[in-house]
């Protein structure tokens, strides 16, 4: 399923929980961790269970970010999730595969790992190889703080970490979601980050406000020109293949089997998005 936009929603905010069900984002991270103050953890957990009982858009993936098992709240979060109607558990601050093992032993749900520490980045291949893992989400704020980087609009200091984790995800066939954009009132910066994440190869972007959904959905969806090019590449390659050749030329660039594979994947994504709009 498409994962262009993944919105964090504080489980302690009843209004936000209710509104999230009808938002046009592809996925939600219903958050019991960073977005909830310690004094509100228990109340938020109860509110989240009630909110999950009311299903929203069928195409929307609903994930729950629990507190870490090393905190006073993680074990209770995992115990409560057994009765929830959610699609997976997001595990925060995953440093190694053993962190996922500890959660996997207590739930049969699909797992998602937050890559937001230096150790997590360095062990991303080990983490992404975990048999229960569905995807990773980059926690760029926590990662940046741990590294000690100076934030810049181009995210230059994060590129090594982003690419390293993404390579691990691709090597093991799991989804990869880019980190958040903190600039709520800077549309140009948001669009630039979305474009950068898409250019790097991420499946989508994590978001902190509903106003960011449209930009992420647009950036991580195939555009009309991309769709047209994909169709022309497939047609040209099939034509030369029928003649016993293995390389076509479209718009002055060679087209081989690998380009056709990518073109078909792009058209498949476009088809799924169109079907989602029609449903």
C-alpha atoms as a PDB file:
ATOM      1  CA  UNK A   1       0.000   0.000   0.000  1.00  0.00           C
ATOM      2  CA  UNK A   2       1.165   3.599  -0.561  1.00  0.00           C
ATOM      3  CA  UNK A   3       2.995   5.187   2.372  1.00  0.00           C
ATOM      4  CA  UNK A   4       3.499   8.717   1.068  1.00  0.00           C
ATOM      5  CA  UNK A   5       2.427  10.449   4.277  1.00  0.00           C
ATOM      6  CA  UNK A   6       2.669   9.139   7.859  1.00  0.00           C
ATOM      7  CA  UNK A   7       1.236  11.550  10.440  1.00  0.00           C
ATOM      8  CA  UNK A   8       2.120  11.530  14.143  1.00  0.00           C
ATOM      9  CA  UNK A   9      -0.972  11.972  16.313  1.00  0.00           C
ATOM     10  CA  UNK A  10      -0.683  12.457  20.097  1.00  0.00           C
ATOM     11  CA  UNK A  11      -2.788   9.823  21.858  1.00  0.00           C
ATOM     12  CA  UNK A  12      -3.492  12.352  24.608  1.00  0.00           C
ATOM     13  CA  UNK A  13      -5.299  14.697  22.192  1.00  0.00           C
ATOM     14  CA  UNK A  14      -8.888  13.464  21.788  1.00  0.00           C
ATOM     15  CA  UNK A  15      -9.718  16.027  19.107  1.00  0.00           C
ATOM     16  CA  UNK A  16      -6.681  15.095  17.040  1.00  0.00           C
ATOM     17  CA  UNK A  17      -7.469  11.381  17.357  1.00  0.00           C
ATOM     18  CA  UNK A  18     -11.007  11.924  16.093  1.00  0.00           C
ATOM     19  CA  UNK A  19      -9.926  14.158  13.234  1.00  0.00           C
ATOM     20  CA  UNK A  20      -7.138  11.833  12.106  1.00  0.00           C
ATOM     21  CA  UNK A  21      -9.568   9.124  10.977  1.00  0.00           C
ATOM     22  CA  UNK A  22     -10.715  11.237   8.038  1.00  0.00           C
ATOM     23  CA  UNK A  23      -7.435  12.838   7.016  1.00  0.00           C
ATOM     24  CA  UNK A  24      -6.023  11.996   3.555  1.00  0.00           C
ATOM     25  CA  UNK A  25      -2.712  10.659   4.889  1.00  0.00           C
ATOM     26  CA  UNK A  26      -1.721   7.119   4.006  1.00  0.00           C
ATOM     27  CA  UNK A  27      -0.747   6.182   7.567  1.00  0.00           C
ATOM     28  CA  UNK A  28      -0.980   7.339  11.161  1.00  0.00           C
ATOM     29  CA  UNK A  29       1.477   6.924  14.010  1.00  0.00           C
ATOM     30  CA  UNK A  30      -0.753   7.148  17.062  1.00  0.00           C
ATOM     31  CA  UNK A  31       1.786   8.223  19.627  1.00  0.00           C
ATOM     32  CA  UNK A  32       2.042   7.169  23.258  1.00  0.00           C
ATOM     33  CA  UNK A  33       5.705   8.130  23.533  1.00  0.00           C
ATOM     34  CA  UNK A  34       7.278  11.548  22.908  1.00  0.00           C
ATOM     35  CA  UNK A  35       4.022  13.411  22.293  1.00  0.00           C
ATOM     36  CA  UNK A  36       2.527  12.413  25.663  1.00  0.00           C
ATOM     37  CA  UNK A  37       3.659  13.844  28.996  1.00  0.00           C
ATOM     38  CA  UNK A  38       4.522  11.305  31.728  1.00  0.00           C
ATOM     39  CA  UNK A  39       1.540  12.332  33.845  1.00  0.00           C
ATOM     40  CA  UNK A  40      -0.823  11.718  30.911  1.00  0.00           C
ATOM     41  CA  UNK A  41       0.467   8.294  29.810  1.00  0.00           C
ATOM     42  CA  UNK A  42      -2.203   6.153  31.452  1.00  0.00           C
ATOM     43  CA  UNK A  43      -5.082   8.373  30.347  1.00  0.00           C
ATOM     44  CA  UNK A  44      -3.707   8.543  26.807  1.00  0.00           C
ATOM     45  CA  UNK A  45      -3.452   4.745  26.637  1.00  0.00           C
ATOM     46  CA  UNK A  46      -7.112   4.373  27.578  1.00  0.00           C
ATOM     47  CA  UNK A  47      -8.201   7.082  25.134  1.00  0.00           C
ATOM     48  CA  UNK A  48      -6.253   5.469  22.321  1.00  0.00           C
ATOM     49  CA  UNK A  49      -7.906   2.109  22.846  1.00  0.00           C
ATOM     50  CA  UNK A  50     -11.329   3.735  22.567  1.00  0.00           C
ATOM     51  CA  UNK A  51     -10.331   5.746  19.496  1.00  0.00           C
ATOM     52  CA  UNK A  52      -9.010   2.674  17.685  1.00  0.00           C
ATOM     53  CA  UNK A  53     -12.370   0.973  18.106  1.00  0.00           C
ATOM     54  CA  UNK A  54     -13.814   3.524  15.667  1.00  0.00           C
ATOM     55  CA  UNK A  55     -12.434   2.663  12.262  1.00  0.00           C
ATOM     56  CA  UNK A  56     -11.687   5.451   9.807  1.00  0.00           C
ATOM     57  CA  UNK A  57     -10.725   5.220   6.133  1.00  0.00           C
ATOM     58  CA  UNK A  58     -10.140   1.594   5.161  1.00  0.00           C
ATOM     59  CA  UNK A  59      -6.994   2.444   3.195  1.00  0.00           C
ATOM     60  CA  UNK A  60      -5.314   4.190   6.135  1.00  0.00           C
ATOM     61  CA  UNK A  61      -2.604   2.252   7.979  1.00  0.00           C
ATOM     62  CA  UNK A  62      -2.876   2.750  11.735  1.00  0.00           C
ATOM     63  CA  UNK A  63       0.293   2.206  13.741  1.00  0.00           C
ATOM     64  CA  UNK A  64       0.811   2.742  17.475  1.00  0.00           C
ATOM     65  CA  UNK A  65       4.109   4.022  18.839  1.00  0.00           C
ATOM     66  CA  UNK A  66       4.563   2.561  22.288  1.00  0.00           C
ATOM     67  CA  UNK A  67       6.935   3.685  24.989  1.00  0.00           C
ATOM     68  CA  UNK A  68      10.198   1.774  25.192  1.00  0.00           C
ATOM     69  CA  UNK A  69      10.264  -1.340  27.347  1.00  0.00           C
ATOM     70  CA  UNK A  70      12.957   0.297  29.459  1.00  0.00           C
ATOM     71  CA  UNK A  71      10.497   2.978  30.578  1.00  0.00           C
ATOM     72  CA  UNK A  72       7.801   2.685  33.276  1.00  0.00           C
ATOM     73  CA  UNK A  73       5.067   2.611  30.601  1.00  0.00           C
ATOM     74  CA  UNK A  74       6.249   0.287  27.838  1.00  0.00           C
ATOM     75  CA  UNK A  75       5.100  -3.008  29.335  1.00  0.00           C
ATOM     76  CA  UNK A  76       1.614  -1.642  29.989  1.00  0.00           C
ATOM     77  CA  UNK A  77       1.410  -0.279  26.439  1.00  0.00           C
ATOM     78  CA  UNK A  78       2.229  -3.712  25.044  1.00  0.00           C
ATOM     79  CA  UNK A  79      -0.250  -5.424  27.328  1.00  0.00           C
ATOM     80  CA  UNK A  80      -3.005  -3.023  26.256  1.00  0.00           C
ATOM     81  CA  UNK A  81      -2.370  -3.323  22.502  1.00  0.00           C
ATOM     82  CA  UNK A  82      -3.594  -6.921  22.466  1.00  0.00           C
ATOM     83  CA  UNK A  83      -7.150  -5.590  22.460  1.00  0.00           C
ATOM     84  CA  UNK A  84      -6.614  -2.740  20.008  1.00  0.00           C
ATOM     85  CA  UNK A  85      -7.598  -2.578  16.337  1.00  0.00           C
ATOM     86  CA  UNK A  86      -4.321  -1.368  14.892  1.00  0.00           C
ATOM     87  CA  UNK A  87      -2.070  -2.489  12.057  1.00  0.00           C
ATOM     88  CA  UNK A  88       1.286  -2.554  13.772  1.00  0.00           C
ATOM     89  CA  UNK A  89       3.527  -1.409  16.606  1.00  0.00           C
ATOM     90  CA  UNK A  90       6.198   1.273  16.242  1.00  0.00           C
ATOM     91  CA  UNK A  91       9.134   0.600  18.544  1.00  0.00           C
ATOM     92  CA  UNK A  92      11.059   3.731  19.561  1.00  0.00           C
ATOM     93  CA  UNK A  93      14.842   4.132  19.684  1.00  0.00           C
ATOM     94  CA  UNK A  94      15.748   0.746  18.280  1.00  0.00           C
ATOM     95  CA  UNK A  95      19.481   0.220  18.756  1.00  0.00           C
ATOM     96  CA  UNK A  96      19.703  -3.433  17.717  1.00  0.00           C
ATOM     97  CA  UNK A  97      17.603  -6.421  16.677  1.00  0.00           C
ATOM     98  CA  UNK A  98      17.321  -7.547  20.298  1.00  0.00           C
ATOM     99  CA  UNK A  99      15.123  -4.503  20.976  1.00  0.00           C
ATOM    100  CA  UNK A 100      12.649  -5.854  18.430  1.00  0.00           C
ATOM    101  CA  UNK A 101      12.921  -9.373  19.854  1.00  0.00           C
ATOM    102  CA  UNK A 102      11.730  -8.094  23.224  1.00  0.00           C
ATOM    103  CA  UNK A 103       8.615  -6.581  21.657  1.00  0.00           C
ATOM    104  CA  UNK A 104       8.001  -9.449  19.244  1.00  0.00           C
ATOM    105  CA  UNK A 105       7.854 -11.839  22.201  1.00  0.00           C
ATOM    106  CA  UNK A 106       4.801  -9.961  23.511  1.00  0.00           C
ATOM    107  CA  UNK A 107       2.820  -9.245  20.346  1.00  0.00           C
ATOM    108  CA  UNK A 108       2.110 -10.901  17.022  1.00  0.00           C
ATOM    109  CA  UNK A 109       1.524  -7.597  15.254  1.00  0.00           C
ATOM    110  CA  UNK A 110       3.853  -6.296  12.521  1.00  0.00           C
ATOM    111  CA  UNK A 111       6.682  -4.173  13.903  1.00  0.00           C
ATOM    112  CA  UNK A 112       8.118  -0.862  12.753  1.00  0.00           C
ATOM    113  CA  UNK A 113      11.438   0.422  14.048  1.00  0.00           C
ATOM    114  CA  UNK A 114      12.318   4.022  14.798  1.00  0.00           C
ATOM    115  CA  UNK A 115      15.891   4.633  13.643  1.00  0.00           C
ATOM    116  CA  UNK A 116      16.808   7.619  15.778  1.00  0.00           C
ATOM    117  CA  UNK A 117      20.106   6.817  17.460  1.00  0.00           C
ATOM    118  CA  UNK A 118      23.671   6.517  16.241  1.00  0.00           C
ATOM    119  CA  UNK A 119      23.707   2.829  17.218  1.00  0.00           C
ATOM    120  CA  UNK A 120      20.464   2.290  15.341  1.00  0.00           C
ATOM    121  CA  UNK A 121      21.935   3.745  12.166  1.00  0.00           C
ATOM    122  CA  UNK A 122      25.132   1.704  12.500  1.00  0.00           C
ATOM    123  CA  UNK A 123      23.114  -1.477  13.070  1.00  0.00           C
ATOM    124  CA  UNK A 124      20.399  -0.733  10.552  1.00  0.00           C
ATOM    125  CA  UNK A 125      21.185  -3.807   8.473  1.00  0.00           C
ATOM    126  CA  UNK A 126      20.748  -6.054  11.510  1.00  0.00           C
ATOM    127  CA  UNK A 127      17.518  -4.287  12.449  1.00  0.00           C
ATOM    128  CA  UNK A 128      16.056  -4.395   8.948  1.00  0.00           C
ATOM    129  CA  UNK A 129      16.810  -8.121   8.712  1.00  0.00           C
ATOM    130  CA  UNK A 130      14.462  -8.846  11.623  1.00  0.00           C
ATOM    131  CA  UNK A 131      11.772 -11.299  10.423  1.00  0.00           C
ATOM    132  CA  UNK A 132       8.915  -9.366  12.036  1.00  0.00           C
ATOM    133  CA  UNK A 133       9.864  -5.945  10.707  1.00  0.00           C
ATOM    134  CA  UNK A 134       7.604  -4.187   8.202  1.00  0.00           C
ATOM    135  CA  UNK A 135       9.423  -0.892   7.979  1.00  0.00           C
ATOM    136  CA  UNK A 136      11.609   1.791   9.515  1.00  0.00           C
ATOM    137  CA  UNK A 137      10.850   5.411  10.354  1.00  0.00           C
ATOM    138  CA  UNK A 138      13.718   7.877  10.622  1.00  0.00           C
ATOM    139  CA  UNK A 139      13.686   9.858  13.855  1.00  0.00           C
ATOM    140  CA  UNK A 140      15.808  12.716  12.605  1.00  0.00           C
ATOM    141  CA  UNK A 141      15.242  15.044  15.565  1.00  0.00           C
ATOM    142  CA  UNK A 142      16.521  12.589  18.176  1.00  0.00           C
ATOM    143  CA  UNK A 143      19.275  11.442  15.853  1.00  0.00           C
ATOM    144  CA  UNK A 144      20.430  14.991  15.205  1.00  0.00           C
ATOM    145  CA  UNK A 145      20.499  15.754  18.911  1.00  0.00           C
ATOM    146  CA  UNK A 146      22.570  12.656  19.647  1.00  0.00           C
ATOM    147  CA  UNK A 147      25.017  13.342  16.838  1.00  0.00           C
ATOM    148  CA  UNK A 148      25.323  16.982  17.861  1.00  0.00           C
ATOM    149  CA  UNK A 149      24.733  18.338  14.375  1.00  0.00           C
ATOM    150  CA  UNK A 150      23.777  21.889  13.550  1.00  0.00           C
ATOM    151  CA  UNK A 151      20.392  21.794  11.759  1.00  0.00           C
ATOM    152  CA  UNK A 152      20.414  23.188   8.224  1.00  0.00           C
ATOM    153  CA  UNK A 153      17.674  23.412   5.623  1.00  0.00           C
ATOM    154  CA  UNK A 154      19.516  21.079   3.245  1.00  0.00           C
ATOM    155  CA  UNK A 155      19.925  18.363   5.949  1.00  0.00           C
ATOM    156  CA  UNK A 156      23.471  17.812   4.683  1.00  0.00           C
ATOM    157  CA  UNK A 157      24.698  16.511   8.045  1.00  0.00           C
ATOM    158  CA  UNK A 158      21.996  13.814   8.071  1.00  0.00           C
ATOM    159  CA  UNK A 159      22.513  12.425   4.581  1.00  0.00           C
ATOM    160  CA  UNK A 160      24.942   9.680   5.566  1.00  0.00           C
ATOM    161  CA  UNK A 161      22.544   8.381   8.223  1.00  0.00           C
ATOM    162  CA  UNK A 162      19.508   8.660   5.961  1.00  0.00           C
ATOM    163  CA  UNK A 163      21.182   6.834   3.101  1.00  0.00           C
ATOM    164  CA  UNK A 164      22.685   4.171   5.354  1.00  0.00           C
ATOM    165  CA  UNK A 165      19.354   3.287   6.919  1.00  0.00           C
ATOM    166  CA  UNK A 166      17.619   3.408   3.555  1.00  0.00           C
ATOM    167  CA  UNK A 167      20.149   1.034   2.023  1.00  0.00           C
ATOM    168  CA  UNK A 168      19.538  -1.420   4.863  1.00  0.00           C
ATOM    169  CA  UNK A 169      15.780  -1.213   4.347  1.00  0.00           C
ATOM    170  CA  UNK A 170      16.091  -1.825   0.622  1.00  0.00           C
ATOM    171  CA  UNK A 171      18.504  -4.725   1.152  1.00  0.00           C
ATOM    172  CA  UNK A 172      15.917  -6.471   3.297  1.00  0.00           C
ATOM    173  CA  UNK A 173      12.729  -5.434   1.517  1.00  0.00           C
ATOM    174  CA  UNK A 174      11.121  -3.300   4.205  1.00  0.00           C
ATOM    175  CA  UNK A 175       9.500   0.122   3.883  1.00  0.00           C
ATOM    176  CA  UNK A 176      11.453   3.273   4.714  1.00  0.00           C
ATOM    177  CA  UNK A 177       9.896   6.548   5.869  1.00  0.00           C
ATOM    178  CA  UNK A 178      11.831   9.813   6.023  1.00  0.00           C
ATOM    179  CA  UNK A 179      11.981  11.978   9.151  1.00  0.00           C
ATOM    180  CA  UNK A 180       9.815  14.988   9.950  1.00  0.00           C
ATOM    181  CA  UNK A 181      10.111  18.577   8.790  1.00  0.00           C
ATOM    182  CA  UNK A 182      10.002  20.902  11.791  1.00  0.00           C
ATOM    183  CA  UNK A 183       9.181  24.042   9.793  1.00  0.00           C
ATOM    184  CA  UNK A 184       5.415  24.369  10.106  1.00  0.00           C
ATOM    185  CA  UNK A 185       5.191  27.759   8.417  1.00  0.00           C
ATOM    186  CA  UNK A 186       7.761  27.253   5.654  1.00  0.00           C
ATOM    187  CA  UNK A 187       6.072  25.574   2.695  1.00  0.00           C
ATOM    188  CA  UNK A 188       9.159  25.823   0.528  1.00  0.00           C
ATOM    189  CA  UNK A 189      11.312  24.013   3.061  1.00  0.00           C
ATOM    190  CA  UNK A 190       8.708  21.268   3.475  1.00  0.00           C
ATOM    191  CA  UNK A 191       8.477  20.775  -0.278  1.00  0.00           C
ATOM    192  CA  UNK A 192      12.263  20.685  -0.539  1.00  0.00           C
ATOM    193  CA  UNK A 193      12.559  18.052   2.203  1.00  0.00           C
ATOM    194  CA  UNK A 194       9.831  15.939   0.604  1.00  0.00           C
ATOM    195  CA  UNK A 195      11.548  16.169  -2.782  1.00  0.00           C
ATOM    196  CA  UNK A 196      14.895  15.286  -1.223  1.00  0.00           C
ATOM    197  CA  UNK A 197      13.422  12.267   0.560  1.00  0.00           C
ATOM    198  CA  UNK A 198      11.770  11.096  -2.637  1.00  0.00           C
ATOM    199  CA  UNK A 199      14.989  11.597  -4.622  1.00  0.00           C
ATOM    200  CA  UNK A 200      16.917   9.566  -2.041  1.00  0.00           C
ATOM    201  CA  UNK A 201      14.435   6.715  -2.431  1.00  0.00           C
ATOM    202  CA  UNK A 202      12.214   6.864   0.656  1.00  0.00           C
ATOM    203  CA  UNK A 203       8.636   5.587   0.363  1.00  0.00           C
ATOM    204  CA  UNK A 204       7.167   8.574   2.181  1.00  0.00           C
ATOM    205  CA  UNK A 205       7.626  11.167   4.899  1.00  0.00           C
ATOM    206  CA  UNK A 206       6.626  11.306   8.529  1.00  0.00           C
ATOM    207  CA  UNK A 207       4.689  14.443   9.442  1.00  0.00           C
ATOM    208  CA  UNK A 208       3.876  16.463  12.540  1.00  0.00           C
ATOM    209  CA  UNK A 209       0.849  18.438  11.329  1.00  0.00           C
ATOM    210  CA  UNK A 210      -2.117  17.749   9.004  1.00  0.00           C
ATOM    211  CA  UNK A 211      -1.172  20.821   6.949  1.00  0.00           C
ATOM    212  CA  UNK A 212       1.893  18.909   5.739  1.00  0.00           C
ATOM    213  CA  UNK A 213      -0.062  15.995   4.232  1.00  0.00           C
ATOM    214  CA  UNK A 214      -0.734  17.499   0.812  1.00  0.00           C
ATOM    215  CA  UNK A 215       2.934  18.260   0.150  1.00  0.00           C
ATOM    216  CA  UNK A 216       4.037  14.744   1.072  1.00  0.00           C
ATOM    217  CA  UNK A 217       1.275  13.105  -0.940  1.00  0.00           C
ATOM    218  CA  UNK A 218       2.226  15.142  -3.992  1.00  0.00           C
ATOM    219  CA  UNK A 219       5.975  14.592  -3.674  1.00  0.00           C
ATOM    220  CA  UNK A 220       5.812  10.819  -3.222  1.00  0.00           C
ATOM    221  CA  UNK A 221       3.197  10.204  -5.922  1.00  0.00           C
ATOM    222  CA  UNK A 222       4.089   9.771  -9.596  1.00  0.00           C
ATOM    223  CA  UNK A 223       3.530  12.947 -11.628  1.00  0.00           C
ATOM    224  CA  UNK A 224       1.920  13.080 -15.059  1.00  0.00           C
ATOM    225  CA  UNK A 225       5.292  13.423 -16.805  1.00  0.00           C
ATOM    226  CA  UNK A 226       6.726  10.461 -14.877  1.00  0.00           C
ATOM    227  CA  UNK A 227       3.723   8.317 -15.793  1.00  0.00           C
ATOM    228  CA  UNK A 228       3.995   9.280 -19.444  1.00  0.00           C
ATOM    229  CA  UNK A 229       7.719   8.508 -19.513  1.00  0.00           C
ATOM    230  CA  UNK A 230       7.166   5.163 -17.788  1.00  0.00           C
ATOM    231  CA  UNK A 231       4.598   4.142 -20.384  1.00  0.00           C
ATOM    232  CA  UNK A 232       6.831   5.194 -23.263  1.00  0.00           C
ATOM    233  CA  UNK A 233       9.805   3.326 -21.821  1.00  0.00           C
ATOM    234  CA  UNK A 234       7.789   0.127 -21.474  1.00  0.00           C
ATOM    235  CA  UNK A 235       6.407   0.424 -24.995  1.00  0.00           C
ATOM    236  CA  UNK A 236       9.815   1.122 -26.513  1.00  0.00           C
ATOM    237  CA  UNK A 237      11.487  -1.727 -24.679  1.00  0.00           C
ATOM    238  CA  UNK A 238       8.770  -4.207 -25.625  1.00  0.00           C
ATOM    239  CA  UNK A 239       9.165  -3.128 -29.266  1.00  0.00           C
ATOM    240  CA  UNK A 240      12.914  -3.754 -29.371  1.00  0.00           C
ATOM    241  CA  UNK A 241      12.496  -6.971 -27.395  1.00  0.00           C
ATOM    242  CA  UNK A 242      10.175  -8.259 -30.101  1.00  0.00           C
ATOM    243  CA  UNK A 243      12.980  -7.604 -32.563  1.00  0.00           C
ATOM    244  CA  UNK A 244      15.422  -9.627 -30.513  1.00  0.00           C
ATOM    245  CA  UNK A 245      17.220  -6.647 -28.978  1.00  0.00           C
ATOM    246  CA  UNK A 246      17.693  -5.767 -25.312  1.00  0.00           C
ATOM    247  CA  UNK A 247      18.159  -1.990 -25.257  1.00  0.00           C
ATOM    248  CA  UNK A 248      15.809   0.791 -26.332  1.00  0.00           C
ATOM    249  CA  UNK A 249      16.333   4.548 -26.508  1.00  0.00           C
ATOM    250  CA  UNK A 250      13.755   7.024 -25.188  1.00  0.00           C
ATOM    251  CA  UNK A 251      14.358  10.781 -25.106  1.00  0.00           C
ATOM    252  CA  UNK A 252      18.029  10.184 -25.876  1.00  0.00           C
ATOM    253  CA  UNK A 253      18.593   7.811 -22.927  1.00  0.00           C
ATOM    254  CA  UNK A 254      18.997   4.051 -22.964  1.00  0.00           C
ATOM    255  CA  UNK A 255      16.226   1.882 -21.549  1.00  0.00           C
ATOM    256  CA  UNK A 256      17.090  -1.600 -20.288  1.00  0.00           C
ATOM    257  CA  UNK A 257      15.157  -4.229 -18.361  1.00  0.00           C
ATOM    258  CA  UNK A 258      15.933  -2.573 -15.028  1.00  0.00           C
ATOM    259  CA  UNK A 259      14.392   0.708 -16.224  1.00  0.00           C
ATOM    260  CA  UNK A 260      11.281  -1.148 -17.337  1.00  0.00           C
ATOM    261  CA  UNK A 261      11.001  -2.827 -13.954  1.00  0.00           C
ATOM    262  CA  UNK A 262      11.119   0.602 -12.272  1.00  0.00           C
ATOM    263  CA  UNK A 263       8.592   1.980 -14.763  1.00  0.00           C
ATOM    264  CA  UNK A 264       6.150  -0.819 -14.022  1.00  0.00           C
ATOM    265  CA  UNK A 265       6.534  -0.279 -10.281  1.00  0.00           C
ATOM    266  CA  UNK A 266       5.796   3.423 -10.774  1.00  0.00           C
ATOM    267  CA  UNK A 267       2.672   2.673 -12.807  1.00  0.00           C
ATOM    268  CA  UNK A 268       1.559   0.161 -10.174  1.00  0.00           C
ATOM    269  CA  UNK A 269       1.869   2.835  -7.487  1.00  0.00           C
ATOM    270  CA  UNK A 270      -0.097   5.281  -9.657  1.00  0.00           C
ATOM    271  CA  UNK A 271      -2.807   2.661 -10.133  1.00  0.00           C
ATOM    272  CA  UNK A 272      -3.075   1.995  -6.396  1.00  0.00           C
ATOM    273  CA  UNK A 273      -3.354   5.713  -5.662  1.00  0.00           C
ATOM    274  CA  UNK A 274      -6.070   6.103  -8.286  1.00  0.00           C
ATOM    275  CA  UNK A 275      -7.987   3.153  -6.856  1.00  0.00           C
ATOM    276  CA  UNK A 276      -7.688   4.712  -3.399  1.00  0.00           C
ATOM    277  CA  UNK A 277      -9.168   7.978  -4.641  1.00  0.00           C
ATOM    278  CA  UNK A 278     -12.052   6.126  -6.287  1.00  0.00           C
ATOM    279  CA  UNK A 279     -12.942   4.079  -3.194  1.00  0.00           C
END
